[in-house]
């Protein structure tokens, strides 16, 4: 029997803890609050910033390119296989959004999409997504093991573990990355 962890009825959003917020200055946090205030009240990013959650304030060159092209978020779906290490990790879908955490706002402008395709921007996005996904998977496996050790899981997560995870890139380093709950089979 497989143990399945999924998002059946609800979506749980977790702020990314890949990097510390130590790099953020108070002016950065104020800028994030101004950005969040412009979002709809039920936007998950706005709610996170209102809870004083912020990004790591580490700037990457692709963020500037996202801003230039009007892309607020790159949302990716990945599949992985773990068997004492990552055996496989594959990006299954990438979407470019013009509003943070609003998945029905995909960028459709052909000129923007062509620009992403003909430059190495797509590769930069994929590299950043894969780097973050590897860390996310390792943290996820550790969390499963910890939950088994503490009695929260009845079945030990060992052997082959596979699943789907979600990664996001934002155009602003002061904003928190939110991660959708993964679907995992073991």
Foldseek 3Di string as FASTA:
>chain_A
DKDKDDQVPHWDKDWDPPADLVPDDVVLLVVQQVLLVVDDPPAPLVVCSVVVDWFNQDDDPLLVVCVVLQFFKKKWKWKFKDAVATPDIDTDDIFTANDPRPVVRTDDPPVSVVVCVVDCSVVVVVVVQVVVVRVVVVVVLVVQQVCVVVPVDVDHPHGMKMWMWMFMDGSRRTTTTITIDIIMID
